[in-house]
Amino acid sequence: MMLGLVALLQSCTVGTASHLIGDQASSDAGAAGVIAGFLIFVGGAFAFGLPSVSVFVFVAAGLLALTGAADFPDLQIWAVISVIFAGMAVVGWRSDRKKKKMAASAAGRAEEGA
């Protein structure tokens, strides 16, 4: 979540400075970065409770960051970080599913034994 806030603040600063200078392309890239930073923040919020949701949010943030990477190169870094976070969320999602499946199996065996 903290990295999402850092991305959000960095992109906000770049977007505002570019707008003041009059560089429309960098300003648009900064706006894409602000949205991507917000999505990284939201994905981090869902990572522990609903990792399946966070996978899609992180992928969306990565794709959005790539759209502005030509005019704002730091967005490439945030896109890669988003994809890494999506991979970590997939691992968490699969681990969570496996734990739930094993718990259901153990509960079923306990009922049969009783």
C-alpha atoms as a PDB file:
ATOM      1  CA  MET A   1       0.000   0.000   0.000  1.00  0.00           C
ATOM      2  CA  MET A   2       2.887   2.338   0.758  1.00  0.00           C
ATOM      3  CA  LEU A   3       4.395   1.822  -2.695  1.00  0.00           C
ATOM      4  CA  GLY A   4       1.029   2.691  -4.197  1.00  0.00           C
ATOM      5  CA  LEU A   5       1.046   5.972  -2.302  1.00  0.00           C
ATOM      6  CA  VAL A   6       4.614   6.688  -3.437  1.00  0.00           C
ATOM      7  CA  ALA A   7       3.641   6.040  -7.072  1.00  0.00           C
ATOM      8  CA  LEU A   8       0.548   8.189  -6.643  1.00  0.00           C
ATOM      9  CA  LEU A   9       2.471  11.125  -5.170  1.00  0.00           C
ATOM     10  CA  GLN A  10       5.307  10.879  -7.702  1.00  0.00           C
ATOM     11  CA  SER A  11       2.900  10.807 -10.637  1.00  0.00           C
ATOM     12  CA  CYS A  12       0.864  13.638  -9.158  1.00  0.00           C
ATOM     13  CA  THR A  13       3.998  15.766  -8.879  1.00  0.00           C
ATOM     14  CA  VAL A  14       5.089  14.990 -12.444  1.00  0.00           C
ATOM     15  CA  GLY A  15       1.608  15.588 -13.816  1.00  0.00           C
ATOM     16  CA  THR A  16       1.231  18.921 -12.035  1.00  0.00           C
ATOM     17  CA  ALA A  17       4.709  20.149 -12.986  1.00  0.00           C
ATOM     18  CA  SER A  18       4.192  19.117 -16.601  1.00  0.00           C
ATOM     19  CA  HIS A  19       0.862  20.881 -16.701  1.00  0.00           C
ATOM     20  CA  LEU A  20       2.440  24.072 -15.343  1.00  0.00           C
ATOM     21  CA  ILE A  21       5.203  23.897 -17.948  1.00  0.00           C
ATOM     22  CA  GLY A  22       2.708  23.167 -20.698  1.00  0.00           C
ATOM     23  CA  ASP A  23       3.940  19.672 -21.665  1.00  0.00           C
ATOM     24  CA  GLN A  24       0.662  17.928 -22.458  1.00  0.00           C
ATOM     25  CA  ALA A  25       2.152  14.470 -23.143  1.00  0.00           C
ATOM     26  CA  SER A  26       3.925  14.266 -19.783  1.00  0.00           C
ATOM     27  CA  SER A  27       0.868  15.677 -18.069  1.00  0.00           C
ATOM     28  CA  ASP A  28      -1.277  12.891 -19.557  1.00  0.00           C
ATOM     29  CA  ALA A  29       1.317  10.297 -18.549  1.00  0.00           C
ATOM     30  CA  GLY A  30       1.287  11.728 -15.027  1.00  0.00           C
ATOM     31  CA  ALA A  31      -2.497  11.333 -14.923  1.00  0.00           C
ATOM     32  CA  ALA A  32      -2.163   7.685 -15.997  1.00  0.00           C
ATOM     33  CA  GLY A  33       0.440   7.257 -13.265  1.00  0.00           C
ATOM     34  CA  VAL A  34      -1.882   8.727 -10.646  1.00  0.00           C
ATOM     35  CA  ILE A  35      -4.573   6.210 -11.559  1.00  0.00           C
ATOM     36  CA  ALA A  36      -2.028   3.370 -11.638  1.00  0.00           C
ATOM     37  CA  GLY A  37      -0.725   4.415  -8.208  1.00  0.00           C
ATOM     38  CA  PHE A  38      -4.250   4.432  -6.842  1.00  0.00           C
ATOM     39  CA  LEU A  39      -4.830   0.952  -8.284  1.00  0.00           C
ATOM     40  CA  ILE A  40      -1.598  -0.308  -6.691  1.00  0.00           C
ATOM     41  CA  PHE A  41      -2.846   1.082  -3.382  1.00  0.00           C
ATOM     42  CA  VAL A  42      -6.237  -0.639  -3.804  1.00  0.00           C
ATOM     43  CA  GLY A  43      -4.571  -3.898  -4.858  1.00  0.00           C
ATOM     44  CA  GLY A  44      -2.454  -3.794  -1.718  1.00  0.00           C
ATOM     45  CA  ALA A  45      -5.569  -3.288   0.369  1.00  0.00           C
ATOM     46  CA  PHE A  46      -7.186  -6.404  -1.134  1.00  0.00           C
ATOM     47  CA  ALA A  47      -4.005  -8.523  -1.135  1.00  0.00           C
ATOM     48  CA  PHE A  48      -4.570 -10.287   2.179  1.00  0.00           C
ATOM     49  CA  GLY A  49      -8.351 -10.563   2.280  1.00  0.00           C
ATOM     50  CA  LEU A  50      -9.198 -11.127  -1.386  1.00  0.00           C
ATOM     51  CA  PRO A  51      -6.016 -12.009  -3.289  1.00  0.00           C
ATOM     52  CA  SER A  52      -8.033 -12.990  -6.380  1.00  0.00           C
ATOM     53  CA  VAL A  53      -9.303  -9.400  -6.662  1.00  0.00           C
ATOM     54  CA  SER A  54      -5.860  -7.936  -6.108  1.00  0.00           C
ATOM     55  CA  VAL A  55      -4.447  -9.978  -9.020  1.00  0.00           C
ATOM     56  CA  PHE A  56      -6.762  -8.240 -11.461  1.00  0.00           C
ATOM     57  CA  VAL A  57      -6.231  -4.818  -9.882  1.00  0.00           C
ATOM     58  CA  PHE A  58      -2.424  -5.167 -10.051  1.00  0.00           C
ATOM     59  CA  VAL A  59      -2.558  -6.315 -13.680  1.00  0.00           C
ATOM     60  CA  ALA A  60      -4.794  -3.354 -14.550  1.00  0.00           C
ATOM     61  CA  ALA A  61      -2.360  -1.005 -12.796  1.00  0.00           C
ATOM     62  CA  GLY A  62       0.570  -2.504 -14.711  1.00  0.00           C
ATOM     63  CA  LEU A  63      -1.160  -2.150 -18.069  1.00  0.00           C
ATOM     64  CA  LEU A  64      -2.197   1.411 -17.299  1.00  0.00           C
ATOM     65  CA  ALA A  65       1.332   2.301 -16.231  1.00  0.00           C
ATOM     66  CA  LEU A  66       2.685   0.930 -19.507  1.00  0.00           C
ATOM     67  CA  THR A  67       0.419   3.259 -21.498  1.00  0.00           C
ATOM     68  CA  GLY A  68       2.192   6.331 -20.127  1.00  0.00           C
ATOM     69  CA  ALA A  69       5.693   4.864 -19.956  1.00  0.00           C
ATOM     70  CA  ALA A  70       6.799   6.464 -23.245  1.00  0.00           C
ATOM     71  CA  ASP A  71       6.400   9.985 -21.834  1.00  0.00           C
ATOM     72  CA  PHE A  72       7.161   9.212 -18.181  1.00  0.00           C
ATOM     73  CA  PRO A  73       9.831   6.455 -17.978  1.00  0.00           C
ATOM     74  CA  ASP A  74       9.364   5.828 -14.248  1.00  0.00           C
ATOM     75  CA  LEU A  75       6.002   4.274 -15.065  1.00  0.00           C
ATOM     76  CA  GLN A  76       7.881   1.289 -16.526  1.00  0.00           C
ATOM     77  CA  ILE A  77       9.243   0.606 -13.048  1.00  0.00           C
ATOM     78  CA  TRP A  78       5.772   0.844 -11.527  1.00  0.00           C
ATOM     79  CA  ALA A  79       4.418  -1.466 -14.241  1.00  0.00           C
ATOM     80  CA  VAL A  80       7.046  -4.092 -13.427  1.00  0.00           C
ATOM     81  CA  ILE A  81       6.367  -3.738  -9.704  1.00  0.00           C
ATOM     82  CA  SER A  82       2.637  -4.170 -10.361  1.00  0.00           C
ATOM     83  CA  VAL A  83       3.228  -7.351 -12.329  1.00  0.00           C
ATOM     84  CA  ILE A  84       5.483  -8.706  -9.562  1.00  0.00           C
ATOM     85  CA  PHE A  85       2.776  -7.921  -7.007  1.00  0.00           C
ATOM     86  CA  ALA A  86       0.216  -9.667  -9.240  1.00  0.00           C
ATOM     87  CA  GLY A  87       2.432 -12.762  -9.292  1.00  0.00           C
ATOM     88  CA  MET A  88       2.760 -12.676  -5.526  1.00  0.00           C
ATOM     89  CA  ALA A  89      -1.021 -12.340  -5.219  1.00  0.00           C
ATOM     90  CA  VAL A  90      -1.479 -15.381  -7.484  1.00  0.00           C
ATOM     91  CA  VAL A  91       0.782 -17.381  -5.173  1.00  0.00           C
ATOM     92  CA  GLY A  92      -1.227 -16.175  -2.170  1.00  0.00           C
ATOM     93  CA  TRP A  93      -4.497 -16.956  -3.917  1.00  0.00           C
ATOM     94  CA  ARG A  94      -3.405 -20.521  -4.744  1.00  0.00           C
ATOM     95  CA  SER A  95      -2.083 -21.045  -1.212  1.00  0.00           C
ATOM     96  CA  ASP A  96      -5.361 -19.804   0.251  1.00  0.00           C
ATOM     97  CA  ARG A  97      -7.370 -22.112  -2.015  1.00  0.00           C
ATOM     98  CA  LYS A  98      -5.190 -25.071  -1.051  1.00  0.00           C
ATOM     99  CA  LYS A  99      -5.640 -24.337   2.679  1.00  0.00           C
ATOM    100  CA  LYS A 100      -9.409 -24.079   2.315  1.00  0.00           C
ATOM    101  CA  LYS A 101      -9.539 -27.324   0.340  1.00  0.00           C
ATOM    102  CA  MET A 102      -7.478 -29.163   2.967  1.00  0.00           C
ATOM    103  CA  ALA A 103      -9.610 -27.757   5.789  1.00  0.00           C
ATOM    104  CA  ALA A 104     -12.803 -28.872   4.038  1.00  0.00           C
ATOM    105  CA  SER A 105     -11.313 -32.310   3.463  1.00  0.00           C
ATOM    106  CA  ALA A 106     -10.282 -32.617   7.123  1.00  0.00           C
ATOM    107  CA  ALA A 107     -13.739 -31.505   8.271  1.00  0.00           C
ATOM    108  CA  GLY A 108     -15.328 -34.108   6.002  1.00  0.00           C
ATOM    109  CA  ARG A 109     -13.137 -36.853   7.435  1.00  0.00           C
ATOM    110  CA  ALA A 110     -13.923 -35.724  10.986  1.00  0.00           C
ATOM    111  CA  GLU A 111     -17.664 -35.990  10.294  1.00  0.00           C
ATOM    112  CA  GLU A 112     -17.250 -39.486   8.860  1.00  0.00           C
ATOM    113  CA  GLY A 113     -15.312 -40.601  11.937  1.00  0.00           C
ATOM    114  CA  ALA A 114     -17.872 -39.251  14.417  1.00  0.00           C
END
